[in-house]
Amino acid sequence: MKTYYSPGCGVLDYKPELAKKIEEYLKSQGKIEESYLPCCWNKPEFDETVMIINTCPGCDKRFRNWHDNTETVTLWEVLLDCDFDYPDYGGIEMSIHDSCDTKMHPQILDAVREIAKRMNIRVVEPEVYTRENARCCGESYTGGKLSPEEVVGKTKERCGDFPCKDVITYCTGCAGFLQYGGVKTHHLLDLLYNEETTIALPKIEGYVVGPDMFTK
């Protein structure tokens, strides 16, 4: 079975250089032949079943459920079987925000926490709303479902769940939206390479999720 790495549009727009680093690393480990860069909203045309390694939770969901001839696994699961040189964060305490698209997949939730452990990060979980019970970052309420003010209210409500102001997320959309709640977000990909997360605060007015991805 051929295996591809799909960084996802969010990561490619945010830090394409990190997507390239992961591609090169996975090739060095013999995990992939190449990257697959087309947007996951577009139906891929594979003649036979392929495996897609995903960074983005939304991509993982769409390749898993929407498209023929695609099997999926997340980057976080794959890294557990590699000899990645993890940075050491000295036991810093952080909470984790789980994406709506991954919270029903315990193997992904476990992998993310194991990677945090390998980076010497002490994960402090929300008391109730964590893992499969995690609440949305706010993004799913956009597109006219709620007013911008109500969306920010949902985000602030979610951020009130976290025991720590430093929050790990593995979704670029979540990393952007959670900033409205006053926490400092750390994308897991940034943490792997000891980089600051610098995702811009999204504009909520007119935010639409659809085939053209994020259009304003």
N, C-alpha and C. Protein backbone atom coordinates (compact mmCIF):
# COMPACT_ATOMS: atom_id res chain seq x y z
N MET A 1 0.85 -1.20 0.00
CA MET A 1 0.00 0.00 0.00
C MET A 1 0.88 1.25 0.00
N LYS A 2 0.59 2.18 -0.88
CA LYS A 2 1.35 3.42 -0.91
C LYS A 2 0.89 4.35 0.21
N THR A 3 1.85 5.04 0.81
CA THR A 3 1.54 5.93 1.93
C THR A 3 1.98 7.35 1.60
N TYR A 4 1.07 8.30 1.87
CA TYR A 4 1.33 9.72 1.63
C TYR A 4 1.25 10.48 2.95
N TYR A 5 1.94 11.61 3.00
CA TYR A 5 1.76 12.56 4.10
C TYR A 5 0.94 13.73 3.60
N SER A 6 -0.17 14.03 4.28
CA SER A 6 -1.01 15.17 3.94
C SER A 6 -0.93 16.20 5.07
N PRO A 7 -0.20 17.30 4.87
CA PRO A 7 -0.09 18.31 5.93
C PRO A 7 -1.39 19.07 6.15
N GLY A 8 -2.22 19.18 5.10
CA GLY A 8 -3.46 19.93 5.20
C GLY A 8 -3.27 21.39 4.87
N CYS A 9 -4.33 22.01 4.35
CA CYS A 9 -4.26 23.41 3.94
C CYS A 9 -3.92 24.35 5.10
N GLY A 10 -4.43 24.03 6.29
CA GLY A 10 -4.18 24.89 7.44
C GLY A 10 -2.71 25.01 7.75
N VAL A 11 -2.01 23.87 7.79
CA VAL A 11 -0.57 23.88 8.07
C VAL A 11 0.21 24.47 6.91
N LEU A 12 -0.19 24.16 5.67
CA LEU A 12 0.50 24.70 4.50
C LEU A 12 0.39 26.22 4.44
N ASP A 13 -0.74 26.75 4.86
CA ASP A 13 -0.90 28.21 4.89
C ASP A 13 -0.15 28.83 6.06
N TYR A 14 -0.09 28.09 7.16
CA TYR A 14 0.51 28.61 8.39
C TYR A 14 2.04 28.55 8.36
N LYS A 15 2.58 27.36 8.25
CA LYS A 15 4.04 27.20 8.24
C LYS A 15 4.42 26.08 7.26
N PRO A 16 4.48 26.40 5.98
CA PRO A 16 4.83 25.37 4.99
C PRO A 16 6.20 24.75 5.23
N GLU A 17 7.09 25.51 5.88
CA GLU A 17 8.42 24.98 6.13
C GLU A 17 8.38 23.83 7.13
N LEU A 18 7.42 23.87 8.08
CA LEU A 18 7.28 22.75 9.01
C LEU A 18 6.70 21.53 8.32
N ALA A 19 5.76 21.75 7.40
CA ALA A 19 5.22 20.64 6.62
C ALA A 19 6.34 19.95 5.85
N LYS A 20 7.26 20.76 5.30
CA LYS A 20 8.38 20.20 4.55
C LYS A 20 9.32 19.42 5.46
N LYS A 21 9.57 19.94 6.66
CA LYS A 21 10.42 19.23 7.61
C LYS A 21 9.83 17.86 7.97
N ILE A 22 8.51 17.82 8.20
CA ILE A 22 7.87 16.56 8.53
C ILE A 22 7.93 15.60 7.34
N GLU A 23 7.70 16.13 6.13
CA GLU A 23 7.80 15.29 4.94
C GLU A 23 9.19 14.64 4.84
N GLU A 24 10.22 15.45 5.00
CA GLU A 24 11.59 14.94 4.89
C GLU A 24 11.89 13.93 6.00
N TYR A 25 11.38 14.20 7.20
CA TYR A 25 11.61 13.27 8.30
C TYR A 25 10.92 11.93 8.03
N LEU A 26 9.66 11.96 7.60
CA LEU A 26 8.94 10.72 7.33
C LEU A 26 9.59 9.93 6.21
N LYS A 27 10.12 10.62 5.22
CA LYS A 27 10.84 9.93 4.15
C LYS A 27 12.10 9.26 4.71
N SER A 28 12.81 9.97 5.61
CA SER A 28 14.04 9.42 6.18
C SER A 28 13.76 8.18 7.02
N GLN A 29 12.54 8.08 7.56
CA GLN A 29 12.14 6.94 8.38
C GLN A 29 11.49 5.83 7.55
N GLY A 30 11.39 6.06 6.23
CA GLY A 30 10.77 5.08 5.36
C GLY A 30 9.27 4.95 5.54
N LYS A 31 8.63 6.02 6.04
CA LYS A 31 7.20 5.97 6.32
C LYS A 31 6.34 6.39 5.13
N ILE A 32 6.86 7.21 4.23
CA ILE A 32 6.09 7.71 3.09
C ILE A 32 6.94 7.70 1.83
N GLU A 33 6.24 7.73 0.69
CA GLU A 33 6.90 7.95 -0.59
C GLU A 33 6.94 9.42 -0.94
N GLU A 34 5.84 10.13 -0.63
CA GLU A 34 5.75 11.55 -0.97
C GLU A 34 4.60 12.18 -0.20
N SER A 35 4.46 13.50 -0.36
CA SER A 35 3.32 14.21 0.24
C SER A 35 2.16 14.26 -0.74
N TYR A 36 0.95 14.40 -0.15
CA TYR A 36 -0.26 14.60 -0.93
C TYR A 36 -0.80 15.97 -0.56
N LEU A 37 -0.76 16.92 -1.49
CA LEU A 37 -1.03 18.32 -1.16
C LEU A 37 -2.43 18.83 -1.52
N PRO A 38 -3.19 18.19 -2.42
CA PRO A 38 -4.53 18.71 -2.72
C PRO A 38 -5.42 18.79 -1.48
N CYS A 39 -6.32 19.75 -1.47
CA CYS A 39 -7.24 19.93 -0.35
C CYS A 39 -8.12 18.71 -0.15
N CYS A 40 -8.37 18.35 1.11
CA CYS A 40 -9.16 17.17 1.42
C CYS A 40 -10.64 17.32 1.06
N TRP A 41 -11.09 18.56 0.79
CA TRP A 41 -12.46 18.75 0.35
C TRP A 41 -12.65 18.26 -1.07
N ASN A 42 -11.56 18.17 -1.83
CA ASN A 42 -11.63 17.65 -3.20
C ASN A 42 -11.49 16.14 -3.18
N LYS A 43 -12.33 15.47 -3.93
CA LYS A 43 -12.30 14.01 -3.94
C LYS A 43 -11.06 13.51 -4.67
N PRO A 44 -10.19 12.77 -3.98
CA PRO A 44 -9.00 12.24 -4.65
C PRO A 44 -9.37 11.08 -5.56
N GLU A 45 -8.55 10.86 -6.58
CA GLU A 45 -8.79 9.76 -7.52
C GLU A 45 -7.64 8.76 -7.43
N PHE A 46 -7.78 7.84 -6.49
CA PHE A 46 -6.80 6.78 -6.33
C PHE A 46 -7.37 5.49 -6.91
N ASP A 47 -6.58 4.81 -7.72
CA ASP A 47 -7.03 3.57 -8.34
C ASP A 47 -7.01 2.40 -7.36
N GLU A 48 -6.19 2.53 -6.32
CA GLU A 48 -6.13 1.48 -5.32
C GLU A 48 -6.01 2.13 -3.94
N THR A 49 -6.21 1.37 -2.91
CA THR A 49 -6.23 1.90 -1.56
C THR A 49 -4.85 2.44 -1.17
N VAL A 50 -4.85 3.64 -0.58
CA VAL A 50 -3.63 4.27 -0.10
C VAL A 50 -3.82 4.63 1.37
N MET A 51 -2.70 4.83 2.06
CA MET A 51 -2.73 5.31 3.44
C MET A 51 -2.34 6.77 3.46
N ILE A 52 -3.11 7.59 4.17
CA ILE A 52 -2.84 9.02 4.29
C ILE A 52 -2.48 9.32 5.74
N ILE A 53 -1.28 9.86 5.95
CA ILE A 53 -0.86 10.32 7.27
C ILE A 53 -1.23 11.79 7.39
N ASN A 54 -2.09 12.12 8.35
CA ASN A 54 -2.64 13.47 8.46
C ASN A 54 -2.11 14.22 9.67
N THR A 55 -1.89 15.52 9.48
CA THR A 55 -1.63 16.44 10.59
C THR A 55 -2.94 17.03 11.09
N CYS A 56 -3.84 17.33 10.18
CA CYS A 56 -5.08 18.06 10.48
C CYS A 56 -6.21 17.11 10.87
N PRO A 57 -6.91 17.37 11.99
CA PRO A 57 -8.03 16.53 12.38
C PRO A 57 -9.16 16.50 11.35
N GLY A 58 -9.43 17.64 10.72
CA GLY A 58 -10.48 17.69 9.71
C GLY A 58 -10.13 16.85 8.49
N CYS A 59 -8.88 16.92 8.06
CA CYS A 59 -8.42 16.10 6.94
C CYS A 59 -8.57 14.62 7.27
N ASP A 60 -8.17 14.26 8.49
CA ASP A 60 -8.28 12.87 8.90
C ASP A 60 -9.72 12.39 8.82
N LYS A 61 -10.64 13.23 9.26
CA LYS A 61 -12.06 12.88 9.21
C LYS A 61 -12.54 12.70 7.78
N ARG A 62 -12.17 13.63 6.90
CA ARG A 62 -12.68 13.57 5.53
C ARG A 62 -12.07 12.42 4.75
N PHE A 63 -10.76 12.21 4.88
CA PHE A 63 -10.17 11.06 4.19
C PHE A 63 -10.71 9.74 4.76
N ARG A 64 -11.04 9.74 6.03
CA ARG A 64 -11.54 8.53 6.69
C ARG A 64 -12.97 8.21 6.25
N ASN A 65 -13.80 9.24 6.15
CA ASN A 65 -15.24 9.01 5.99
C ASN A 65 -15.83 9.39 4.63
N TRP A 66 -15.18 10.27 3.90
CA TRP A 66 -15.80 10.80 2.69
C TRP A 66 -15.28 10.17 1.40
N HIS A 67 -14.05 9.69 1.40
CA HIS A 67 -13.40 9.34 0.14
C HIS A 67 -13.12 7.85 0.02
N ASP A 68 -13.21 7.38 -1.23
CA ASP A 68 -12.93 5.97 -1.51
C ASP A 68 -11.42 5.73 -1.57
N ASN A 69 -11.04 4.51 -1.29
CA ASN A 69 -9.65 4.06 -1.44
C ASN A 69 -8.66 4.83 -0.57
N THR A 70 -9.13 5.34 0.56
CA THR A 70 -8.21 6.03 1.48
C THR A 70 -8.37 5.48 2.89
N GLU A 71 -7.25 5.09 3.48
CA GLU A 71 -7.19 4.77 4.90
C GLU A 71 -6.35 5.84 5.58
N THR A 72 -6.57 6.04 6.86
CA THR A 72 -5.92 7.18 7.52
C THR A 72 -5.26 6.79 8.84
N VAL A 73 -4.25 7.58 9.17
CA VAL A 73 -3.61 7.53 10.48
C VAL A 73 -3.06 8.93 10.72
N THR A 74 -3.01 9.35 11.96
CA THR A 74 -2.49 10.70 12.23
C THR A 74 -0.97 10.68 12.36
N LEU A 75 -0.38 11.82 12.11
CA LEU A 75 1.06 11.99 12.27
C LEU A 75 1.48 11.61 13.68
N TRP A 76 0.66 11.96 14.66
CA TRP A 76 1.01 11.75 16.07
C TRP A 76 1.15 10.26 16.38
N GLU A 77 0.29 9.43 15.79
CA GLU A 77 0.40 7.99 15.98
C GLU A 77 1.66 7.44 15.32
N VAL A 78 1.96 7.94 14.13
CA VAL A 78 3.12 7.46 13.38
C VAL A 78 4.42 7.81 14.11
N LEU A 79 4.49 9.02 14.67
CA LEU A 79 5.71 9.46 15.34
C LEU A 79 6.07 8.58 16.53
N LEU A 80 5.08 7.94 17.13
CA LEU A 80 5.36 7.10 18.29
C LEU A 80 6.22 5.90 17.92
N ASP A 81 6.22 5.54 16.64
CA ASP A 81 7.02 4.41 16.18
C ASP A 81 8.32 4.86 15.52
N CYS A 82 8.67 6.13 15.68
CA CYS A 82 9.89 6.68 15.08
C CYS A 82 10.87 7.08 16.18
N ASP A 83 12.06 7.43 15.77
CA ASP A 83 13.08 7.86 16.74
C ASP A 83 13.22 9.38 16.75
N PHE A 84 12.10 10.07 16.73
CA PHE A 84 12.10 11.53 16.66
C PHE A 84 12.86 12.12 17.85
N ASP A 85 13.61 13.17 17.59
CA ASP A 85 14.40 13.84 18.64
C ASP A 85 13.54 14.92 19.30
N TYR A 86 12.81 14.52 20.34
CA TYR A 86 11.87 15.43 20.99
C TYR A 86 12.59 16.48 21.82
N PRO A 87 12.13 17.73 21.77
CA PRO A 87 12.68 18.74 22.68
C PRO A 87 12.22 18.47 24.11
N ASP A 88 12.95 19.00 25.07
CA ASP A 88 12.63 18.82 26.49
C ASP A 88 12.12 20.14 27.05
N TYR A 89 10.84 20.15 27.46
CA TYR A 89 10.23 21.37 27.99
C TYR A 89 10.29 21.46 29.51
N GLY A 90 11.09 20.62 30.13
CA GLY A 90 11.40 20.78 31.55
C GLY A 90 10.25 20.60 32.51
N GLY A 91 9.23 19.82 32.13
CA GLY A 91 8.13 19.56 33.04
C GLY A 91 7.08 20.66 33.11
N ILE A 92 7.07 21.58 32.14
CA ILE A 92 6.08 22.65 32.12
C ILE A 92 4.67 22.06 32.10
N GLU A 93 3.74 22.71 32.78
CA GLU A 93 2.36 22.25 32.82
C GLU A 93 1.54 22.90 31.70
N MET A 94 0.81 22.08 30.96
CA MET A 94 -0.08 22.57 29.90
C MET A 94 -1.35 21.73 29.90
N SER A 95 -2.43 22.33 29.44
CA SER A 95 -3.66 21.57 29.20
C SER A 95 -3.71 21.20 27.72
N ILE A 96 -4.61 20.29 27.36
CA ILE A 96 -4.78 19.89 25.97
C ILE A 96 -6.21 20.13 25.55
N HIS A 97 -6.36 20.72 24.35
CA HIS A 97 -7.68 20.86 23.74
C HIS A 97 -7.80 19.84 22.63
N ASP A 98 -8.82 18.99 22.71
CA ASP A 98 -9.06 17.97 21.70
C ASP A 98 -10.06 18.46 20.66
N SER A 99 -9.72 18.27 19.41
CA SER A 99 -10.56 18.71 18.30
C SER A 99 -11.86 17.91 18.24
N CYS A 100 -12.92 18.56 17.77
CA CYS A 100 -14.20 17.87 17.60
C CYS A 100 -14.07 16.65 16.68
N ASP A 101 -13.15 16.72 15.71
CA ASP A 101 -13.02 15.65 14.72
C ASP A 101 -12.20 14.47 15.20
N THR A 102 -11.58 14.58 16.37
CA THR A 102 -10.75 13.47 16.85
C THR A 102 -11.24 12.87 18.17
N LYS A 103 -12.16 13.53 18.84
CA LYS A 103 -12.45 13.12 20.21
C LYS A 103 -13.13 11.76 20.32
N MET A 104 -13.60 11.20 19.20
CA MET A 104 -14.18 9.87 19.25
C MET A 104 -13.17 8.79 18.84
N HIS A 105 -11.91 9.19 18.75
CA HIS A 105 -10.86 8.23 18.36
C HIS A 105 -9.81 8.17 19.46
N PRO A 106 -9.98 7.28 20.43
CA PRO A 106 -9.09 7.27 21.59
C PRO A 106 -7.62 7.05 21.25
N GLN A 107 -7.34 6.35 20.14
CA GLN A 107 -5.94 6.14 19.78
C GLN A 107 -5.24 7.45 19.43
N ILE A 108 -5.98 8.42 18.88
CA ILE A 108 -5.41 9.73 18.58
C ILE A 108 -5.22 10.52 19.87
N LEU A 109 -6.22 10.50 20.73
CA LEU A 109 -6.12 11.21 22.01
C LEU A 109 -4.95 10.69 22.83
N ASP A 110 -4.77 9.39 22.82
CA ASP A 110 -3.65 8.79 23.56
C ASP A 110 -2.30 9.19 22.96
N ALA A 111 -2.23 9.19 21.62
CA ALA A 111 -0.96 9.50 20.95
C ALA A 111 -0.53 10.93 21.24
N VAL A 112 -1.46 11.86 21.20
CA VAL A 112 -1.14 13.27 21.47
C VAL A 112 -0.57 13.42 22.88
N ARG A 113 -1.17 12.75 23.83
CA ARG A 113 -0.70 12.86 25.22
C ARG A 113 0.64 12.16 25.42
N GLU A 114 0.87 11.08 24.71
CA GLU A 114 2.16 10.41 24.81
C GLU A 114 3.27 11.28 24.22
N ILE A 115 2.98 11.98 23.14
CA ILE A 115 3.99 12.87 22.56
C ILE A 115 4.29 14.01 23.53
N ALA A 116 3.26 14.57 24.17
CA ALA A 116 3.50 15.61 25.17
C ALA A 116 4.39 15.07 26.29
N LYS A 117 4.13 13.85 26.73
CA LYS A 117 4.94 13.22 27.77
C LYS A 117 6.39 13.08 27.33
N ARG A 118 6.60 12.69 26.08
CA ARG A 118 7.97 12.51 25.57
C ARG A 118 8.71 13.84 25.45
N MET A 119 7.96 14.94 25.39
CA MET A 119 8.58 16.26 25.37
C MET A 119 8.71 16.84 26.77
N ASN A 120 8.46 16.00 27.78
CA ASN A 120 8.55 16.41 29.19
C ASN A 120 7.60 17.58 29.48
N ILE A 121 6.38 17.43 28.99
CA ILE A 121 5.29 18.36 29.31
C ILE A 121 4.31 17.63 30.23
N ARG A 122 3.99 18.23 31.35
CA ARG A 122 3.02 17.64 32.27
C ARG A 122 1.63 18.13 31.88
N VAL A 123 0.81 17.20 31.41
CA VAL A 123 -0.54 17.54 30.96
C VAL A 123 -1.49 17.59 32.14
N VAL A 124 -2.16 18.74 32.29
CA VAL A 124 -3.17 18.92 33.34
C VAL A 124 -4.53 19.01 32.63
N GLU A 125 -5.31 17.96 32.78
CA GLU A 125 -6.57 17.86 32.04
C GLU A 125 -7.68 18.71 32.67
N PRO A 126 -8.61 19.23 31.84
CA PRO A 126 -9.83 19.81 32.40
C PRO A 126 -10.56 18.77 33.25
N GLU A 127 -11.26 19.23 34.25
CA GLU A 127 -11.90 18.33 35.20
C GLU A 127 -12.95 17.45 34.53
N VAL A 128 -13.71 18.01 33.59
CA VAL A 128 -14.80 17.26 32.96
C VAL A 128 -14.65 17.23 31.44
N TYR A 129 -14.49 18.39 30.85
CA TYR A 129 -14.58 18.52 29.40
C TYR A 129 -13.23 18.30 28.72
N THR A 130 -12.86 17.02 28.63
CA THR A 130 -11.61 16.66 27.99
C THR A 130 -11.80 15.35 27.22
N ARG A 131 -10.85 15.04 26.32
CA ARG A 131 -10.91 13.83 25.50
C ARG A 131 -12.26 13.74 24.79
N GLU A 132 -13.02 12.67 24.94
CA GLU A 132 -14.28 12.51 24.22
C GLU A 132 -15.36 13.48 24.68
N ASN A 133 -15.15 14.13 25.81
CA ASN A 133 -16.11 15.11 26.32
C ASN A 133 -15.69 16.56 26.05
N ALA A 134 -14.65 16.74 25.26
CA ALA A 134 -14.14 18.09 25.00
C ALA A 134 -15.19 18.94 24.30
N ARG A 135 -15.24 20.22 24.70
CA ARG A 135 -16.16 21.16 24.05
C ARG A 135 -15.47 21.87 22.90
N CYS A 136 -16.26 22.32 21.94
CA CYS A 136 -15.74 22.95 20.73
C CYS A 136 -15.00 24.24 21.04
N CYS A 137 -13.98 24.53 20.24
CA CYS A 137 -13.23 25.78 20.38
C CYS A 137 -14.06 27.01 20.01
N GLY A 138 -15.15 26.80 19.30
CA GLY A 138 -16.00 27.89 18.84
C GLY A 138 -16.18 27.93 17.34
N GLU A 139 -15.25 27.31 16.60
CA GLU A 139 -15.28 27.42 15.14
C GLU A 139 -16.53 26.80 14.53
N SER A 140 -17.04 25.73 15.12
CA SER A 140 -18.20 25.07 14.53
C SER A 140 -19.48 25.90 14.67
N TYR A 141 -19.42 26.96 15.46
CA TYR A 141 -20.59 27.84 15.63
C TYR A 141 -20.59 28.99 14.63
N THR A 142 -19.58 29.04 13.75
CA THR A 142 -19.49 30.13 12.78
C THR A 142 -20.32 29.82 11.55
N GLY A 143 -20.20 30.67 10.53
CA GLY A 143 -20.97 30.47 9.31
C GLY A 143 -22.42 30.85 9.45
N GLY A 144 -22.72 31.77 10.37
CA GLY A 144 -24.08 32.26 10.54
C GLY A 144 -24.88 31.53 11.59
N LYS A 145 -24.30 30.49 12.20
CA LYS A 145 -25.03 29.75 13.23
C LYS A 145 -25.26 30.61 14.47
N LEU A 146 -24.25 31.39 14.83
CA LEU A 146 -24.33 32.31 15.95
C LEU A 146 -23.70 33.63 15.53
N SER A 147 -24.02 34.68 16.26
CA SER A 147 -23.39 35.97 15.99
C SER A 147 -21.92 35.89 16.40
N PRO A 148 -21.07 36.80 15.87
CA PRO A 148 -19.66 36.82 16.30
C PRO A 148 -19.50 36.92 17.81
N GLU A 149 -20.35 37.70 18.45
CA GLU A 149 -20.27 37.86 19.90
C GLU A 149 -20.59 36.55 20.62
N GLU A 150 -21.57 35.83 20.10
CA GLU A 150 -21.94 34.55 20.70
C GLU A 150 -20.84 33.50 20.48
N VAL A 151 -20.19 33.55 19.31
CA VAL A 151 -19.08 32.63 19.04
C VAL A 151 -17.95 32.85 20.03
N VAL A 152 -17.60 34.13 20.25
CA VAL A 152 -16.56 34.45 21.21
C VAL A 152 -16.97 33.97 22.60
N GLY A 153 -18.26 34.09 22.92
CA GLY A 153 -18.75 33.60 24.21
C GLY A 153 -18.54 32.11 24.36
N LYS A 154 -18.78 31.35 23.29
CA LYS A 154 -18.56 29.91 23.32
C LYS A 154 -17.07 29.59 23.53
N THR A 155 -16.22 30.38 22.85
CA THR A 155 -14.78 30.16 22.99
C THR A 155 -14.32 30.46 24.41
N LYS A 156 -14.79 31.55 24.98
CA LYS A 156 -14.43 31.89 26.36
C LYS A 156 -14.92 30.81 27.33
N GLU A 157 -16.11 30.28 27.05
CA GLU A 157 -16.64 29.21 27.89
C GLU A 157 -15.72 27.99 27.83
N ARG A 158 -15.28 27.65 26.61
CA ARG A 158 -14.36 26.51 26.46
C ARG A 158 -13.04 26.76 27.19
N CYS A 159 -12.50 27.94 27.05
CA CYS A 159 -11.21 28.25 27.68
C CYS A 159 -11.30 28.24 29.20
N GLY A 160 -12.50 28.46 29.72
CA GLY A 160 -12.70 28.37 31.16
C GLY A 160 -12.55 26.95 31.70
N ASP A 161 -12.56 25.96 30.80
CA ASP A 161 -12.40 24.57 31.22
C ASP A 161 -10.96 24.24 31.58
N PHE A 162 -10.00 24.98 31.01
CA PHE A 162 -8.60 24.58 31.11
C PHE A 162 -7.97 25.00 32.44
N PRO A 163 -7.32 24.08 33.13
CA PRO A 163 -6.60 24.45 34.36
C PRO A 163 -5.39 25.31 34.08
N CYS A 164 -4.81 25.21 32.87
CA CYS A 164 -3.60 25.96 32.52
C CYS A 164 -3.90 27.00 31.44
N LYS A 165 -3.18 28.09 31.47
CA LYS A 165 -3.31 29.11 30.44
C LYS A 165 -2.54 28.74 29.17
N ASP A 166 -1.61 27.80 29.29
CA ASP A 166 -0.91 27.28 28.13
C ASP A 166 -1.65 26.03 27.66
N VAL A 167 -2.10 26.04 26.40
CA VAL A 167 -2.97 24.97 25.91
C VAL A 167 -2.40 24.39 24.61
N ILE A 168 -2.21 23.09 24.60
CA ILE A 168 -1.77 22.37 23.41
C ILE A 168 -2.99 22.08 22.54
N THR A 169 -2.85 22.34 21.25
CA THR A 169 -3.85 21.92 20.30
C THR A 169 -3.16 21.37 19.07
N TYR A 170 -3.84 20.52 18.33
CA TYR A 170 -3.25 19.92 17.14
C TYR A 170 -4.09 20.24 15.90
N CYS A 171 -4.82 21.34 15.97
CA CYS A 171 -5.65 21.84 14.87
C CYS A 171 -5.37 23.33 14.71
N THR A 172 -5.05 23.78 13.49
CA THR A 172 -4.76 25.20 13.29
C THR A 172 -5.98 26.07 13.56
N GLY A 173 -7.17 25.56 13.21
CA GLY A 173 -8.39 26.32 13.47
C GLY A 173 -8.61 26.52 14.95
N CYS A 174 -8.46 25.46 15.72
CA CYS A 174 -8.61 25.56 17.18
C CYS A 174 -7.57 26.50 17.77
N ALA A 175 -6.34 26.40 17.28
CA ALA A 175 -5.27 27.25 17.80
C ALA A 175 -5.57 28.72 17.59
N GLY A 176 -6.25 29.05 16.49
CA GLY A 176 -6.64 30.43 16.24
C GLY A 176 -7.80 30.87 17.12
N PHE A 177 -8.86 30.08 17.15
CA PHE A 177 -10.07 30.49 17.85
C PHE A 177 -9.89 30.57 19.36
N LEU A 178 -9.12 29.66 19.93
CA LEU A 178 -8.97 29.64 21.38
C LEU A 178 -8.33 30.91 21.92
N GLN A 179 -7.64 31.65 21.06
CA GLN A 179 -7.03 32.90 21.51
C GLN A 179 -8.07 33.91 21.97
N TYR A 180 -9.29 33.80 21.43
CA TYR A 180 -10.37 34.69 21.87
C TYR A 180 -10.71 34.47 23.35
N GLY A 181 -10.36 33.30 23.86
CA GLY A 181 -10.68 32.99 25.25
C GLY A 181 -9.59 33.37 26.22
N GLY A 182 -8.49 33.93 25.72
CA GLY A 182 -7.45 34.43 26.60
C GLY A 182 -6.36 33.45 26.96
N VAL A 183 -6.32 32.28 26.30
CA VAL A 183 -5.25 31.33 26.58
C VAL A 183 -4.12 31.49 25.55
N LYS A 184 -2.97 30.93 25.87
CA LYS A 184 -1.85 30.89 24.94
C LYS A 184 -1.84 29.51 24.30
N THR A 185 -2.03 29.45 22.99
CA THR A 185 -2.10 28.17 22.31
C THR A 185 -0.73 27.74 21.79
N HIS A 186 -0.53 26.43 21.81
CA HIS A 186 0.71 25.83 21.32
C HIS A 186 0.33 24.70 20.37
N HIS A 187 0.52 24.92 19.06
CA HIS A 187 0.23 23.84 18.12
C HIS A 187 1.27 22.74 18.31
N LEU A 188 0.81 21.51 18.31
CA LEU A 188 1.71 20.39 18.58
C LEU A 188 2.86 20.33 17.58
N LEU A 189 2.62 20.72 16.35
CA LEU A 189 3.68 20.73 15.35
C LEU A 189 4.76 21.74 15.72
N ASP A 190 4.36 22.90 16.21
CA ASP A 190 5.32 23.90 16.69
C ASP A 190 6.13 23.36 17.86
N LEU A 191 5.46 22.69 18.78
CA LEU A 191 6.15 22.17 19.95
C LEU A 191 7.23 21.15 19.55
N LEU A 192 6.95 20.35 18.53
CA LEU A 192 7.93 19.35 18.09
C LEU A 192 9.24 20.00 17.67
N TYR A 193 9.14 21.22 17.12
CA TYR A 193 10.33 21.90 16.62
C TYR A 193 10.71 23.12 17.48
N ASN A 194 10.15 23.16 18.69
CA ASN A 194 10.49 24.21 19.65
C ASN A 194 10.28 25.61 19.06
N GLU A 195 9.14 25.78 18.40
CA GLU A 195 8.80 27.06 17.80
C GLU A 195 7.58 27.67 18.47
N GLU A 196 7.50 28.98 18.40
CA GLU A 196 6.34 29.71 18.93
C GLU A 196 5.15 29.53 17.99
N THR A 197 3.96 29.39 18.55
CA THR A 197 2.76 29.35 17.73
C THR A 197 2.30 30.77 17.45
N THR A 198 2.21 31.11 16.18
CA THR A 198 1.93 32.49 15.76
C THR A 198 0.73 32.55 14.83
N ILE A 199 -0.23 31.67 15.01
CA ILE A 199 -1.43 31.66 14.18
C ILE A 199 -2.24 32.92 14.44
N ALA A 200 -2.63 33.60 13.38
CA ALA A 200 -3.36 34.86 13.51
C ALA A 200 -4.76 34.63 14.08
N LEU A 201 -5.21 35.62 14.85
CA LEU A 201 -6.57 35.59 15.37
C LEU A 201 -7.55 35.65 14.19
N PRO A 202 -8.44 34.67 14.04
CA PRO A 202 -9.34 34.67 12.87
C PRO A 202 -10.41 35.74 12.98
N LYS A 203 -10.86 36.24 11.83
CA LYS A 203 -11.99 37.15 11.79
C LYS A 203 -13.26 36.32 11.73
N ILE A 204 -14.15 36.56 12.67
CA ILE A 204 -15.34 35.71 12.77
C ILE A 204 -16.44 36.17 11.84
N GLU A 205 -16.57 37.44 11.59
CA GLU A 205 -17.66 37.95 10.75
C GLU A 205 -17.61 37.30 9.38
N GLY A 206 -18.69 36.61 9.00
CA GLY A 206 -18.76 36.01 7.68
C GLY A 206 -17.89 34.79 7.49
N TYR A 207 -17.48 34.18 8.56
CA TYR A 207 -16.60 33.01 8.48
C TYR A 207 -17.40 31.82 7.95
N VAL A 208 -16.95 31.23 6.84
CA VAL A 208 -17.70 30.16 6.19
C VAL A 208 -16.79 28.95 5.99
N VAL A 209 -17.25 27.79 6.33
CA VAL A 209 -16.53 26.56 6.06
C VAL A 209 -17.23 25.85 4.92
N GLY A 210 -16.49 25.54 3.87
CA GLY A 210 -17.09 24.88 2.71
C GLY A 210 -16.04 24.38 1.75
N PRO A 211 -16.43 24.02 0.54
CA PRO A 211 -15.48 23.48 -0.44
C PRO A 211 -14.30 24.39 -0.75
N ASP A 212 -14.49 25.70 -0.59
CA ASP A 212 -13.39 26.62 -0.83
C ASP A 212 -12.61 26.90 0.47
N MET A 213 -12.78 25.99 1.43
CA MET A 213 -12.13 26.13 2.74
C MET A 213 -12.61 27.41 3.42
N PHE A 214 -11.70 28.23 3.87
CA PHE A 214 -12.11 29.38 4.68
C PHE A 214 -12.15 30.63 3.83
N THR A 215 -13.34 31.09 3.53
CA THR A 215 -13.51 32.29 2.73
C THR A 215 -14.19 33.35 3.57
N LYS A 216 -13.76 34.57 3.42
CA LYS A 216 -14.32 35.66 4.22
C LYS A 216 -14.89 36.72 3.30
